[in-house]
Each structure stands twice: as structure tokens, then as C-alpha cells.
Protein backbone atom coordinates (compact mmCIF):
# COMPACT_ATOMS: atom_id res chain seq x y z
CA UNK A 1 13.42 -32.28 -2.96
CA UNK A 2 14.40 -28.99 -4.58
CA UNK A 3 13.09 -28.36 -8.08
CA UNK A 4 15.35 -26.40 -10.43
CA UNK A 5 13.47 -23.43 -11.87
CA UNK A 6 15.92 -21.28 -13.87
CA UNK A 7 13.36 -18.51 -14.41
CA UNK A 8 13.02 -17.95 -10.64
CA UNK A 9 15.75 -15.74 -9.25
CA UNK A 10 17.40 -17.19 -6.15
CA UNK A 11 18.08 -14.81 -3.31
CA UNK A 12 20.85 -15.21 -0.80
CA UNK A 13 19.61 -15.39 2.74
CA UNK A 14 20.14 -12.07 4.46
CA UNK A 15 23.29 -12.11 6.51
CA UNK A 16 24.31 -9.68 9.20
CA UNK A 17 27.72 -8.12 8.86
CA UNK A 18 28.05 -7.86 12.64
CA UNK A 19 26.55 -10.34 15.09
CA UNK A 20 25.44 -8.50 18.22
CA UNK A 21 23.33 -11.35 19.61
CA UNK A 22 25.74 -11.99 22.48
CA UNK A 23 25.37 -8.38 23.62
CA UNK A 24 21.57 -8.27 23.22
CA UNK A 25 21.23 -11.50 25.23
CA UNK A 26 23.48 -10.24 28.03
CA UNK A 27 22.16 -9.54 31.51
CA UNK A 28 23.64 -6.02 31.34
CA UNK A 29 21.64 -5.13 28.23
CA UNK A 30 18.41 -6.67 29.54
CA UNK A 31 18.68 -4.66 32.77
CA UNK A 32 19.57 -1.45 30.89
CA UNK A 33 16.67 -1.97 28.47
CA UNK A 34 14.16 -2.64 31.25
CA UNK A 35 15.20 0.41 33.28
CA UNK A 36 15.25 2.63 30.18
CA UNK A 37 11.70 1.63 29.19
CA UNK A 38 10.48 2.18 32.76
CA UNK A 39 11.88 5.73 32.66
CA UNK A 40 10.84 6.38 29.01
CA UNK A 41 7.52 4.58 28.47
CA UNK A 42 6.36 6.39 25.29
CA UNK A 43 7.53 6.23 21.68
CA UNK A 44 9.32 9.49 20.91
CA UNK A 45 8.55 9.40 17.17
CA UNK A 46 4.80 9.06 17.82
CA UNK A 47 4.96 11.77 20.51
CA UNK A 48 6.41 14.20 17.94
CA UNK A 49 3.26 13.59 15.90
CA UNK A 50 0.97 14.11 18.85
CA UNK A 51 0.16 10.42 19.28
CA UNK A 52 0.57 8.66 22.62
CA UNK A 53 1.98 5.19 22.02
CA UNK A 54 3.73 2.85 24.47
CA UNK A 55 7.36 2.14 23.65
CA UNK A 56 8.33 -1.51 23.57
CA UNK A 57 11.70 -1.26 21.81
CA UNK A 58 14.90 0.42 22.94
CA UNK A 59 16.70 1.60 19.81
CA UNK A 60 20.32 2.66 19.40
CA UNK A 61 20.24 6.06 17.69
CA UNK A 62 23.67 5.41 16.22
CA UNK A 63 23.76 1.66 15.53
CA UNK A 64 26.34 -0.39 17.39
CA UNK A 65 27.66 -1.62 14.04
CA UNK A 66 28.45 2.01 13.15
CA UNK A 67 30.27 2.74 16.39
CA UNK A 68 27.33 3.76 18.56
CA UNK A 69 27.75 3.41 22.31
CA UNK A 70 26.06 0.20 23.48
CA UNK A 71 24.93 1.27 26.95
CA UNK A 72 25.04 5.07 27.00
CA UNK A 73 21.46 6.31 27.47
CA UNK A 74 22.24 9.31 25.24
CA UNK A 75 22.46 6.82 22.36
CA UNK A 76 19.15 5.12 23.22
CA UNK A 77 15.60 6.07 22.29
CA UNK A 78 12.25 4.50 23.15
CA UNK A 79 10.22 3.43 20.11
CA UNK A 80 7.09 1.44 19.37
CA UNK A 81 7.55 -1.62 17.16
CA UNK A 82 6.20 0.11 14.03
CA UNK A 83 8.50 3.14 14.34
CA UNK A 84 11.48 0.88 15.01
CA UNK A 85 10.72 -1.19 11.91
CA UNK A 86 10.48 1.99 9.80
CA UNK A 87 13.77 3.33 11.17
CA UNK A 88 15.55 0.00 10.62
CA UNK A 89 14.19 -0.28 7.07
CA UNK A 90 15.37 3.24 6.29
CA UNK A 91 18.85 2.53 7.65
CA UNK A 92 19.01 -0.73 5.74
CA UNK A 93 17.98 0.98 2.49
CA UNK A 94 20.69 3.62 2.98
CA UNK A 95 23.33 0.92 3.55
CA UNK A 96 22.29 -0.85 0.37
CA UNK A 97 22.61 2.43 -1.52
CA UNK A 98 18.96 2.70 -2.36
CA UNK A 99 18.11 6.35 -2.92
CA UNK A 100 14.61 6.08 -1.51
CA UNK A 101 14.41 7.33 2.04
CA UNK A 102 11.63 5.82 4.09
CA UNK A 103 9.71 8.11 6.39
CA UNK A 104 10.46 7.27 10.01
CA UNK A 105 8.05 9.86 11.36
CA UNK A 106 4.98 8.68 9.48
CA UNK A 107 1.99 8.36 11.80
CA UNK A 108 1.50 4.95 13.37
CA UNK A 109 -2.02 3.65 12.85
CA UNK A 110 -2.31 0.38 14.72
CA UNK A 111 -1.00 -0.52 18.13
CA UNK A 112 -1.48 -3.30 20.61
CA UNK A 113 -2.56 -1.32 23.66
CA UNK A 114 -6.13 -0.08 24.10
CA UNK A 115 -5.09 2.18 27.00
CA UNK A 116 -3.58 4.85 24.80
CA UNK A 117 -5.12 7.30 22.35
CA UNK A 118 -4.50 6.82 18.66
CA UNK A 119 -5.31 8.91 15.63
């Protein structure tokens, strides 16, 4: 049972303007992603900061929703989960017109793997 609380602002559930789930669940994308991570195993944003971090996300540099090429490796970059979240948040803030730019290149501090050096 939902209680009406007029002092609590209701938020609309976040909706995507473009649904790319069919593409991301496709065999073609899964194979491309796997091969790309095998050939590019380290997060490029962390590497620029001198930190060695395993990449576990393949990110589209130019988002598909903005016309980025889906399978062209020149539009792909290997990122760790934290760097990908920062990049996505920054892009989302820009789309919403928020002036604050989030730092994508901020040093990652916690990672899952113990086999890599962290600062």
C-alpha cells in the first residue's frame, strides 16, 4: 500500500532515450568485446595516471546514441568499472545540462584484482 506524502518529491524512474540492449546482448558484440579486452587488458584512463588496472568494460568513446560506430575498434576503449562509471556520469550530467563536469581521469583507489599495483 502506497502512502501519500505530499512533502516528499516523487521522481520519475530514469528512462533511456535509446534502448541498445538488443545490440549489447548480441553474439557479435559479445565476441567483439571479448577479443577487444584480450588485446587491450588495461584501463587506459588509469594507465595515463601511472596506475596499472585491469580493464573489465569496453566503452564506446562516442556513444552509440550519439552516432558512434558500434563495432569499430577505433571507437572502443578499455576501462575499469570505476573509470567507466565516472565517464558515464560525466556524459549524463552534460546531457542534462548540468554545468559541473566530473573528472574522468581522477585516480582510481580500489579495484578487485590483487595482481596489479595500485596507488
